[in-house]
C-alpha atoms as a PDB file:
ATOM      1  CA  MET A   1     -10.036-112.622 -86.672  1.00  0.00           C
ATOM      2  CA  THR A   2     -10.378-111.354 -90.184  1.00  0.00           C
ATOM      3  CA  PRO A   3      -7.522-111.864 -92.508  1.00  0.00           C
ATOM      4  CA  GLU A   4      -6.927-108.228 -92.650  1.00  0.00           C
ATOM      5  CA  GLN A   5      -6.170-108.819 -88.976  1.00  0.00           C
ATOM      6  CA  LYS A   6      -4.269-111.355 -88.509  1.00  0.00           C
ATOM      7  CA  ARG A   7      -2.116-109.354 -90.601  1.00  0.00           C
ATOM      8  CA  ARG A   8      -2.393-106.170 -88.763  1.00  0.00           C
ATOM      9  CA  TYR A   9      -1.573-107.894 -85.689  1.00  0.00           C
ATOM     10  CA  SER A  10       0.871-110.827 -86.933  1.00  0.00           C
ATOM     11  CA  ARG A  11       3.731-109.563 -84.734  1.00  0.00           C
ATOM     12  CA  HIS A  12       1.500-109.703 -81.103  1.00  0.00           C
ATOM     13  CA  ILE A  13       0.106-113.199 -82.047  1.00  0.00           C
ATOM     14  CA  LEU A  14       3.523-114.599 -82.605  1.00  0.00           C
ATOM     15  CA  LEU A  15       4.111-113.757 -79.294  1.00  0.00           C
ATOM     16  CA  ASP A  16       4.149-116.436 -76.362  1.00  0.00           C
ATOM     17  CA  GLY A  17       1.628-115.118 -73.857  1.00  0.00           C
ATOM     18  CA  ILE A  18      -0.419-113.310 -76.354  1.00  0.00           C
ATOM     19  CA  GLY A  19      -0.839-115.430 -79.744  1.00  0.00           C
ATOM     20  CA  LYS A  20      -4.215-115.244 -81.142  1.00  0.00           C
ATOM     21  CA  ASP A  21      -6.137-115.742 -77.989  1.00  0.00           C
ATOM     22  CA  GLY A  22      -4.760-112.717 -76.681  1.00  0.00           C
ATOM     23  CA  GLN A  23      -5.028-110.428 -79.388  1.00  0.00           C
ATOM     24  CA  GLU A  24      -8.510-111.267 -80.022  1.00  0.00           C
ATOM     25  CA  ARG A  25      -8.798-110.657 -75.926  1.00  0.00           C
ATOM     26  CA  LEU A  26      -7.403-106.770 -76.681  1.00  0.00           C
ATOM     27  CA  ILE A  27     -10.191-106.512 -79.526  1.00  0.00           C
ATOM     28  CA  ASN A  28     -13.050-107.007 -77.449  1.00  0.00           C
ATOM     29  CA  SER A  29     -11.566-105.101 -74.688  1.00  0.00           C
ATOM     30  CA  LYS A  30     -12.394-101.589 -73.862  1.00  0.00           C
ATOM     31  CA  VAL A  31      -9.563 -99.064 -71.910  1.00  0.00           C
ATOM     32  CA  LEU A  32     -10.755 -95.912 -70.860  1.00  0.00           C
ATOM     33  CA  LEU A  33      -7.824 -92.667 -70.729  1.00  0.00           C
ATOM     34  CA  ILE A  34      -8.146 -89.791 -68.048  1.00  0.00           C
ATOM     35  CA  GLY A  35      -6.409 -87.288 -69.683  1.00  0.00           C
ATOM     36  CA  ALA A  36      -5.275 -86.464 -73.631  1.00  0.00           C
ATOM     37  CA  GLY A  37      -1.759 -84.517 -72.871  1.00  0.00           C
ATOM     38  CA  GLY A  38       1.193 -86.026 -72.617  1.00  0.00           C
ATOM     39  CA  LEU A  39       0.408 -89.274 -71.348  1.00  0.00           C
ATOM     40  CA  GLY A  40      -2.890 -90.036 -73.082  1.00  0.00           C
ATOM     41  CA  SER A  41      -0.948 -89.380 -76.308  1.00  0.00           C
ATOM     42  CA  PRO A  42       1.821 -92.487 -76.445  1.00  0.00           C
ATOM     43  CA  ASN A  43      -1.198 -94.476 -74.470  1.00  0.00           C
ATOM     44  CA  ALA A  44      -3.721 -93.357 -76.802  1.00  0.00           C
ATOM     45  CA  LEU A  45      -1.438 -94.520 -79.870  1.00  0.00           C
ATOM     46  CA  TYR A  46      -0.173 -97.274 -78.493  1.00  0.00           C
ATOM     47  CA  LEU A  47      -3.546 -98.832 -77.281  1.00  0.00           C
ATOM     48  CA  ALA A  48      -5.109 -98.050 -80.495  1.00  0.00           C
ATOM     49  CA  ALA A  49      -2.356 -99.842 -82.716  1.00  0.00           C
ATOM     50  CA  ALA A  50      -2.501-102.572 -80.200  1.00  0.00           C
ATOM     51  CA  GLY A  51      -6.147-103.240 -81.497  1.00  0.00           C
ATOM     52  CA  VAL A  52      -7.773-102.464 -78.571  1.00  0.00           C
ATOM     53  CA  GLY A  53     -11.329-102.749 -79.500  1.00  0.00           C
ATOM     54  CA  THR A  54     -13.042 -99.657 -77.813  1.00  0.00           C
ATOM     55  CA  ILE A  55     -10.871 -96.602 -75.877  1.00  0.00           C
ATOM     56  CA  GLY A  56     -12.735 -93.947 -74.315  1.00  0.00           C
ATOM     57  CA  ILE A  57     -10.647 -90.860 -73.617  1.00  0.00           C
ATOM     58  CA  ALA A  58     -11.969 -87.865 -71.368  1.00  0.00           C
ATOM     59  CA  ASP A  59     -10.447 -84.375 -71.340  1.00  0.00           C
ATOM     60  CA  GLY A  60     -12.148 -81.238 -70.837  1.00  0.00           C
ATOM     61  CA  ASP A  61      -8.817 -79.482 -72.557  1.00  0.00           C
ATOM     62  CA  VAL A  62      -8.066 -77.869 -75.885  1.00  0.00           C
ATOM     63  CA  VAL A  63      -4.367 -77.900 -77.638  1.00  0.00           C
ATOM     64  CA  SER A  64      -2.124 -75.103 -77.116  1.00  0.00           C
ATOM     65  CA  LEU A  65       1.112 -74.047 -78.286  1.00  0.00           C
ATOM     66  CA  SER A  66       2.877 -75.386 -75.385  1.00  0.00           C
ATOM     67  CA  ASN A  67       1.398 -78.822 -75.050  1.00  0.00           C
ATOM     68  CA  LEU A  68       3.309 -79.654 -78.338  1.00  0.00           C
ATOM     69  CA  GLN A  69       6.878 -80.604 -76.703  1.00  0.00           C
ATOM     70  CA  ARG A  70       5.276 -83.568 -75.597  1.00  0.00           C
ATOM     71  CA  GLN A  71       1.922 -84.021 -75.837  1.00  0.00           C
ATOM     72  CA  VAL A  72       3.064 -85.547 -79.752  1.00  0.00           C
ATOM     73  CA  ILE A  73      -0.717 -86.992 -80.667  1.00  0.00           C
ATOM     74  CA  HIS A  74      -1.115 -83.014 -81.354  1.00  0.00           C
ATOM     75  CA  PHE A  75       0.014 -81.088 -84.157  1.00  0.00           C
ATOM     76  CA  THR A  76       0.651 -77.678 -84.890  1.00  0.00           C
ATOM     77  CA  ASP A  77      -2.229 -77.136 -86.490  1.00  0.00           C
ATOM     78  CA  ASP A  78      -4.741 -78.885 -83.930  1.00  0.00           C
ATOM     79  CA  ILE A  79      -3.991 -75.288 -81.912  1.00  0.00           C
ATOM     80  CA  GLY A  80      -7.158 -74.537 -80.376  1.00  0.00           C
ATOM     81  CA  LYS A  81      -8.961 -77.902 -81.173  1.00  0.00           C
ATOM     82  CA  LEU A  82     -10.533 -80.294 -78.206  1.00  0.00           C
ATOM     83  CA  LYS A  83      -7.922 -82.630 -77.398  1.00  0.00           C
ATOM     84  CA  VAL A  84     -10.260 -85.594 -77.318  1.00  0.00           C
ATOM     85  CA  GLU A  85     -11.306 -84.435 -80.855  1.00  0.00           C
ATOM     86  CA  SER A  86      -7.939 -84.199 -82.296  1.00  0.00           C
ATOM     87  CA  ALA A  87      -6.749 -87.566 -80.239  1.00  0.00           C
ATOM     88  CA  LYS A  88      -9.827 -89.449 -81.800  1.00  0.00           C
ATOM     89  CA  ASP A  89      -8.601 -87.970 -84.943  1.00  0.00           C
ATOM     90  CA  LYS A  90      -4.805 -89.385 -85.168  1.00  0.00           C
ATOM     91  CA  MET A  91      -6.123 -93.359 -83.399  1.00  0.00           C
ATOM     92  CA  MET A  92      -8.543 -93.769 -86.161  1.00  0.00           C
ATOM     93  CA  ARG A  93      -5.997 -92.597 -88.784  1.00  0.00           C
ATOM     94  CA  VAL A  94      -3.719 -95.537 -87.006  1.00  0.00           C
ATOM     95  CA  ASN A  95      -5.804 -97.785 -87.010  1.00  0.00           C
ATOM     96  CA  PRO A  96      -9.735 -97.602 -87.963  1.00  0.00           C
ATOM     97  CA  ASP A  97     -10.644-101.011 -86.756  1.00  0.00           C
ATOM     98  CA  VAL A  98     -10.511 -99.321 -83.361  1.00  0.00           C
ATOM     99  CA  LYS A  99     -14.089 -97.566 -82.071  1.00  0.00           C
ATOM    100  CA  VAL A 100     -13.053 -94.225 -79.904  1.00  0.00           C
ATOM    101  CA  ILE A 101     -15.621 -92.745 -77.903  1.00  0.00           C
ATOM    102  CA  ALA A 102     -14.536 -88.751 -76.871  1.00  0.00           C
ATOM    103  CA  TYR A 103     -15.784 -87.179 -73.739  1.00  0.00           C
ATOM    104  CA  PRO A 104     -14.457 -83.531 -74.012  1.00  0.00           C
ATOM    105  CA  GLU A 105     -14.877 -82.838 -70.003  1.00  0.00           C
ATOM    106  CA  PHE A 106     -13.390 -83.317 -67.256  1.00  0.00           C
ATOM    107  CA  ILE A 107     -13.569 -86.128 -64.543  1.00  0.00           C
ATOM    108  CA  THR A 108     -15.231 -84.754 -61.358  1.00  0.00           C
ATOM    109  CA  GLU A 109     -16.866 -86.338 -57.982  1.00  0.00           C
ATOM    110  CA  SER A 110     -19.831 -85.855 -60.508  1.00  0.00           C
ATOM    111  CA  ASN A 111     -18.782 -88.255 -62.993  1.00  0.00           C
ATOM    112  CA  ALA A 112     -15.808 -90.432 -62.509  1.00  0.00           C
ATOM    113  CA  LEU A 113     -18.400 -93.500 -61.456  1.00  0.00           C
ATOM    114  CA  GLU A 114     -20.539 -92.988 -64.585  1.00  0.00           C
ATOM    115  CA  LEU A 115     -17.205 -92.176 -66.852  1.00  0.00           C
ATOM    116  CA  ILE A 116     -15.607 -96.130 -65.828  1.00  0.00           C
ATOM    117  CA  LYS A 117     -18.145 -97.832 -65.453  1.00  0.00           C
ATOM    118  CA  ASP A 118     -18.371 -99.695 -68.843  1.00  0.00           C
ATOM    119  CA  TYR A 119     -14.593-100.184 -69.094  1.00  0.00           C
ATOM    120  CA  ASP A 120     -12.399-103.039 -68.336  1.00  0.00           C
ATOM    121  CA  PHE A 121      -8.904-101.021 -67.177  1.00  0.00           C
ATOM    122  CA  ILE A 122      -8.770 -96.765 -66.670  1.00  0.00           C
ATOM    123  CA  ILE A 123      -5.386 -95.036 -66.866  1.00  0.00           C
ATOM    124  CA  ASP A 124      -4.783 -92.657 -64.666  1.00  0.00           C
ATOM    125  CA  CYS A 125      -2.966 -89.526 -67.248  1.00  0.00           C
ATOM    126  CA  THR A 126      -3.387 -86.499 -65.267  1.00  0.00           C
ATOM    127  CA  ASP A 127      -1.126 -84.314 -63.398  1.00  0.00           C
ATOM    128  CA  SER A 128      -3.568 -83.135 -60.867  1.00  0.00           C
ATOM    129  CA  PHE A 129      -3.454 -84.541 -57.666  1.00  0.00           C
ATOM    130  CA  ALA A 130      -6.989 -83.835 -56.921  1.00  0.00           C
ATOM    131  CA  SER A 131      -7.710 -85.704 -59.860  1.00  0.00           C
ATOM    132  CA  LYS A 132      -5.714 -88.604 -59.086  1.00  0.00           C
ATOM    133  CA  TYR A 133      -7.013 -89.101 -55.327  1.00  0.00           C
ATOM    134  CA  LEU A 134     -10.841 -88.608 -57.361  1.00  0.00           C
ATOM    135  CA  VAL A 135      -9.389 -91.542 -60.185  1.00  0.00           C
ATOM    136  CA  ASN A 136      -7.750 -93.748 -57.576  1.00  0.00           C
ATOM    137  CA  ASP A 137     -11.019 -93.815 -55.521  1.00  0.00           C
ATOM    138  CA  ALA A 138     -13.716 -94.256 -58.076  1.00  0.00           C
ATOM    139  CA  CYS A 139     -12.104 -97.099 -59.399  1.00  0.00           C
ATOM    140  CA  VAL A 140     -11.747 -98.771 -55.920  1.00  0.00           C
ATOM    141  CA  MET A 141     -15.262 -97.995 -55.059  1.00  0.00           C
ATOM    142  CA  ALA A 142     -16.497 -99.481 -58.524  1.00  0.00           C
ATOM    143  CA  ASP A 143     -13.822-102.403 -58.283  1.00  0.00           C
ATOM    144  CA  LYS A 144     -12.088-101.606 -61.262  1.00  0.00           C
ATOM    145  CA  PRO A 145      -8.298-102.165 -62.489  1.00  0.00           C
ATOM    146  CA  PHE A 146      -6.180 -99.307 -63.336  1.00  0.00           C
ATOM    147  CA  CYS A 147      -2.766 -97.548 -63.714  1.00  0.00           C
ATOM    148  CA  ALA A 148      -1.424 -94.415 -62.655  1.00  0.00           C
ATOM    149  CA  GLY A 149       1.287 -92.214 -63.483  1.00  0.00           C
ATOM    150  CA  GLY A 150       3.250 -88.797 -62.653  1.00  0.00           C
ATOM    151  CA  VAL A 151       6.528 -87.144 -63.980  1.00  0.00           C
ATOM    152  CA  VAL A 152       7.846 -84.023 -63.474  1.00  0.00           C
ATOM    153  CA  ARG A 153      11.397 -82.630 -64.663  1.00  0.00           C
ATOM    154  CA  TYR A 154      13.035 -85.296 -65.407  1.00  0.00           C
ATOM    155  CA  GLY A 155      11.920 -88.270 -62.993  1.00  0.00           C
ATOM    156  CA  ALA A 156       8.585 -89.891 -62.974  1.00  0.00           C
ATOM    157  CA  GLN A 157       6.535 -92.921 -61.123  1.00  0.00           C
ATOM    158  CA  VAL A 158       4.369 -95.183 -62.291  1.00  0.00           C
ATOM    159  CA  MET A 159       1.577 -98.157 -60.441  1.00  0.00           C
ATOM    160  CA  THR A 160      -1.324-100.648 -61.403  1.00  0.00           C
ATOM    161  CA  HIS A 161      -4.073-101.333 -58.564  1.00  0.00           C
ATOM    162  CA  VAL A 162      -6.207-104.171 -59.488  1.00  0.00           C
ATOM    163  CA  PRO A 163      -9.301-105.255 -56.784  1.00  0.00           C
ATOM    164  CA  GLY A 164      -7.497-106.909 -53.704  1.00  0.00           C
ATOM    165  CA  SER A 165      -4.338-105.068 -54.342  1.00  0.00           C
ATOM    166  CA  ALA A 166      -2.619-101.779 -52.724  1.00  0.00           C
ATOM    167  CA  CYS A 167      -3.999 -98.968 -54.027  1.00  0.00           C
ATOM    168  CA  TYR A 168      -2.798 -95.054 -54.284  1.00  0.00           C
ATOM    169  CA  ARG A 169      -3.699 -94.565 -51.184  1.00  0.00           C
ATOM    170  CA  CYS A 170      -1.810 -96.800 -49.416  1.00  0.00           C
ATOM    171  CA  PHE A 171       1.530 -95.214 -50.560  1.00  0.00           C
ATOM    172  CA  PHE A 172       0.507 -91.899 -50.721  1.00  0.00           C
ATOM    173  CA  PRO A 173      -2.495 -91.360 -48.028  1.00  0.00           C
ATOM    174  CA  GLU A 174      -2.909 -87.864 -48.463  1.00  0.00           C
ATOM    175  CA  PRO A 175      -2.079 -85.057 -51.449  1.00  0.00           C
ATOM    176  CA  PRO A 176       0.954 -82.902 -50.246  1.00  0.00           C
ATOM    177  CA  GLU A 177       0.951 -79.273 -49.163  1.00  0.00           C
ATOM    178  CA  LYS A 178       0.348 -76.981 -51.731  1.00  0.00           C
ATOM    179  CA  GLU A 179       3.629 -75.262 -51.016  1.00  0.00           C
ATOM    180  CA  ASN A 180       5.413 -78.473 -51.306  1.00  0.00           C
ATOM    181  CA  VAL A 181       3.742 -79.347 -55.105  1.00  0.00           C
ATOM    182  CA  GLU A 182       6.018 -78.716 -57.961  1.00  0.00           C
ATOM    183  CA  THR A 183       3.961 -79.061 -61.275  1.00  0.00           C
ATOM    184  CA  CYS A 184       5.433 -79.148 -65.090  1.00  0.00           C
ATOM    185  CA  SER A 185       4.177 -75.698 -65.434  1.00  0.00           C
ATOM    186  CA  THR A 186       6.031 -74.268 -63.010  1.00  0.00           C
ATOM    187  CA  VAL A 187       9.503 -76.105 -63.289  1.00  0.00           C
ATOM    188  CA  GLY A 188       9.105 -77.775 -66.469  1.00  0.00           C
ATOM    189  CA  VAL A 189       9.259 -81.287 -67.910  1.00  0.00           C
ATOM    190  CA  LEU A 190      11.124 -83.468 -70.600  1.00  0.00           C
ATOM    191  CA  GLY A 191       9.047 -84.901 -73.300  1.00  0.00           C
ATOM    192  CA  SER A 192      10.542 -87.852 -74.095  1.00  0.00           C
ATOM    193  CA  ALA A 193      10.240 -88.298 -69.912  1.00  0.00           C
ATOM    194  CA  VAL A 194       6.619 -88.790 -70.393  1.00  0.00           C
ATOM    195  CA  GLY A 195       6.494 -90.657 -73.134  1.00  0.00           C
ATOM    196  CA  MET A 196       8.103 -93.203 -71.667  1.00  0.00           C
ATOM    197  CA  LEU A 197       6.057 -93.622 -68.745  1.00  0.00           C
ATOM    198  CA  GLY A 198       2.923 -93.422 -70.688  1.00  0.00           C
ATOM    199  CA  THR A 199       4.102 -96.201 -72.578  1.00  0.00           C
ATOM    200  CA  ILE A 200       4.592 -97.855 -69.592  1.00  0.00           C
ATOM    201  CA  GLN A 201       1.013 -96.985 -68.520  1.00  0.00           C
ATOM    202  CA  ALA A 202      -0.313 -98.813 -71.717  1.00  0.00           C
ATOM    203  CA  THR A 203       2.118-102.055 -71.528  1.00  0.00           C
ATOM    204  CA  GLU A 204       0.384-102.288 -68.669  1.00  0.00           C
ATOM    205  CA  ALA A 205      -3.270-102.308 -69.929  1.00  0.00           C
ATOM    206  CA  ILE A 206      -1.879-104.549 -72.347  1.00  0.00           C
ATOM    207  CA  LYS A 207      -0.965-107.039 -70.192  1.00  0.00           C
ATOM    208  CA  TYR A 208      -3.730-106.651 -67.910  1.00  0.00           C
ATOM    209  CA  LEU A 209      -6.206-107.670 -70.794  1.00  0.00           C
ATOM    210  CA  THR A 210      -3.743-110.671 -72.099  1.00  0.00           C
ATOM    211  CA  GLY A 211      -3.181-111.590 -68.783  1.00  0.00           C
ATOM    212  CA  VAL A 212       0.549-111.544 -69.928  1.00  0.00           C
ATOM    213  CA  GLY A 213       3.720-111.077 -67.459  1.00  0.00           C
ATOM    214  CA  THR A 214       3.510-109.695 -64.338  1.00  0.00           C
ATOM    215  CA  LEU A 215       1.474-106.683 -63.190  1.00  0.00           C
ATOM    216  CA  LEU A 216       2.998-103.315 -61.208  1.00  0.00           C
ATOM    217  CA  THR A 217       0.585-104.301 -58.164  1.00  0.00           C
ATOM    218  CA  ASN A 218       2.272-103.177 -54.743  1.00  0.00           C
ATOM    219  CA  THR A 219       4.816-101.645 -56.406  1.00  0.00           C
ATOM    220  CA  LEU A 220       5.665 -98.177 -57.407  1.00  0.00           C
ATOM    221  CA  LEU A 221       8.074 -97.615 -60.208  1.00  0.00           C
ATOM    222  CA  THR A 222      10.206 -94.384 -60.546  1.00  0.00           C
ATOM    223  CA  PHE A 223      13.064 -93.876 -62.804  1.00  0.00           C
ATOM    224  CA  ASP A 224      14.954 -91.264 -63.331  1.00  0.00           C
ATOM    225  CA  VAL A 225      16.117 -90.292 -66.689  1.00  0.00           C
ATOM    226  CA  LEU A 226      19.089 -88.468 -66.541  1.00  0.00           C
ATOM    227  CA  THR A 227      20.762 -91.927 -64.845  1.00  0.00           C
ATOM    228  CA  MET A 228      18.492 -94.340 -66.256  1.00  0.00           C
ATOM    229  CA  GLN A 229      18.072 -95.594 -62.767  1.00  0.00           C
ATOM    230  CA  PHE A 230      14.993 -97.744 -62.254  1.00  0.00           C
ATOM    231  CA  MET A 231      14.176 -98.439 -59.061  1.00  0.00           C
ATOM    232  CA  ARG A 232      10.916-100.462 -57.462  1.00  0.00           C
ATOM    233  CA  ILE A 233       9.268 -99.819 -54.116  1.00  0.00           C
ATOM    234  CA  ASP A 234       7.352-102.777 -52.613  1.00  0.00           C
ATOM    235  CA  PHE A 235       4.490-102.249 -50.502  1.00  0.00           C
ATOM    236  CA  SER A 236       1.629-103.816 -49.441  1.00  0.00           C
ATOM    237  CA  ARG A 237      -1.975-103.043 -49.215  1.00  0.00           C
ATOM    238  CA  ASP A 238      -3.145-100.800 -45.601  1.00  0.00           C
ATOM    239  CA  GLU A 239      -5.314-102.610 -43.540  1.00  0.00           C
ATOM    240  CA  HIS A 240      -5.981 -99.327 -42.664  1.00  0.00           C
ATOM    241  CA  CYS A 241      -6.377 -97.284 -45.560  1.00  0.00           C
ATOM    242  CA  PRO A 242      -9.176 -94.836 -46.431  1.00  0.00           C
ATOM    243  CA  ILE A 243     -10.664 -96.358 -48.894  1.00  0.00           C
ATOM    244  CA  CYS A 244      -9.459-100.016 -50.015  1.00  0.00           C
ATOM    245  CA  GLY A 245      -8.784-100.911 -45.895  1.00  0.00           C
ATOM    246  CA  GLU A 246     -11.010-103.407 -43.928  1.00  0.00           C
ATOM    247  CA  HIS A 247     -12.932-100.671 -42.398  1.00  0.00           C
ATOM    248  CA  PRO A 248     -12.955 -97.668 -44.735  1.00  0.00           C
ATOM    249  CA  THR A 249     -13.442 -94.416 -44.109  1.00  0.00           C
ATOM    250  CA  ILE A 250     -14.352 -93.108 -47.799  1.00  0.00           C
ATOM    251  CA  LYS A 251     -17.817 -93.842 -48.696  1.00  0.00           C
ATOM    252  CA  GLU A 252     -18.801 -91.168 -51.344  1.00  0.00           C
ATOM    253  CA  LEU A 253     -16.113 -89.939 -53.742  1.00  0.00           C
ATOM    254  CA  LYS A 254     -15.261 -86.245 -53.125  1.00  0.00           C
ATOM    255  CA  GLU A 255     -12.781 -84.199 -55.180  1.00  0.00           C
ATOM    256  CA  TYR A 256      -9.988 -82.288 -53.483  1.00  0.00           C
ATOM    257  CA  SER A 257     -10.295 -78.308 -54.330  1.00  0.00           C
ATOM    258  CA  PHE A 258      -6.201 -78.003 -54.236  1.00  0.00           C
ATOM    259  CA  GLN A 259      -5.901 -78.598 -58.370  1.00  0.00           C
ATOM    260  CA  PRO A 260      -1.822 -77.140 -58.691  1.00  0.00           C
ATOM    261  CA  CYS A 261      -2.639 -78.150 -62.422  1.00  0.00           C
ATOM    262  CA  ARG A 262      -5.378 -78.403 -63.381  1.00  0.00           C
ATOM    263  CA  LYS A 263      -4.516 -79.527 -66.645  1.00  0.00           C
ATOM    264  CA  ASN A 264      -3.048 -82.638 -68.024  1.00  0.00           C
ATOM    265  CA  VAL A 265       0.805 -83.241 -68.415  1.00  0.00           C
END
């Protein structure tokens, strides 16, 4: 590290469990954010500030006025801009040391494996069930660790997968029926709750990359901001899981047509 980097990351370097070696691992790591909205915003800012060397960010959407209540990386004068370009600008202003790669596209069954292939850790920042299952299936197929999170109204849930641990389908084998789904665009979402979840996801990425702490593997963490109650639900990898089980039946990526909320949180 250069003298300037040592000053910039001094508070990480002081930490037991991270130190100089851990910070160097962050600098040499690559993280992909799928979504540049409410969850992508805190992830992008904190991972850039932390010094993750290469951060990819994929999103095909543009900034709109209704995004600004929670998507804090975007400002009023960014309305109409591609979210990935708006996010990249702020990330580079936070830390010009990092390399930010903008992918102005949504994740699909045709591009998912190509998008994730060069990254060490993937963060699912979408709120479409179709996209969440697609991220899960692509990462399991490619042996990529990832963190998935979702939030609506005042509540949120998050889990982390590493190869060999339970995946998203082990807990939620299939998406719910369309009539049973609530989305942020129909019932609302508290902006600060989205920020809380996004920072948890960024922390999971930092923990994975540095090797510090215990990840949310084989665990679903939920929280309700109205009561500030957090609950951990432990579960195991399902040997009958159609994607990560002993005899997987999902052999190729296929995106669900059900898209209750195509745009990101």
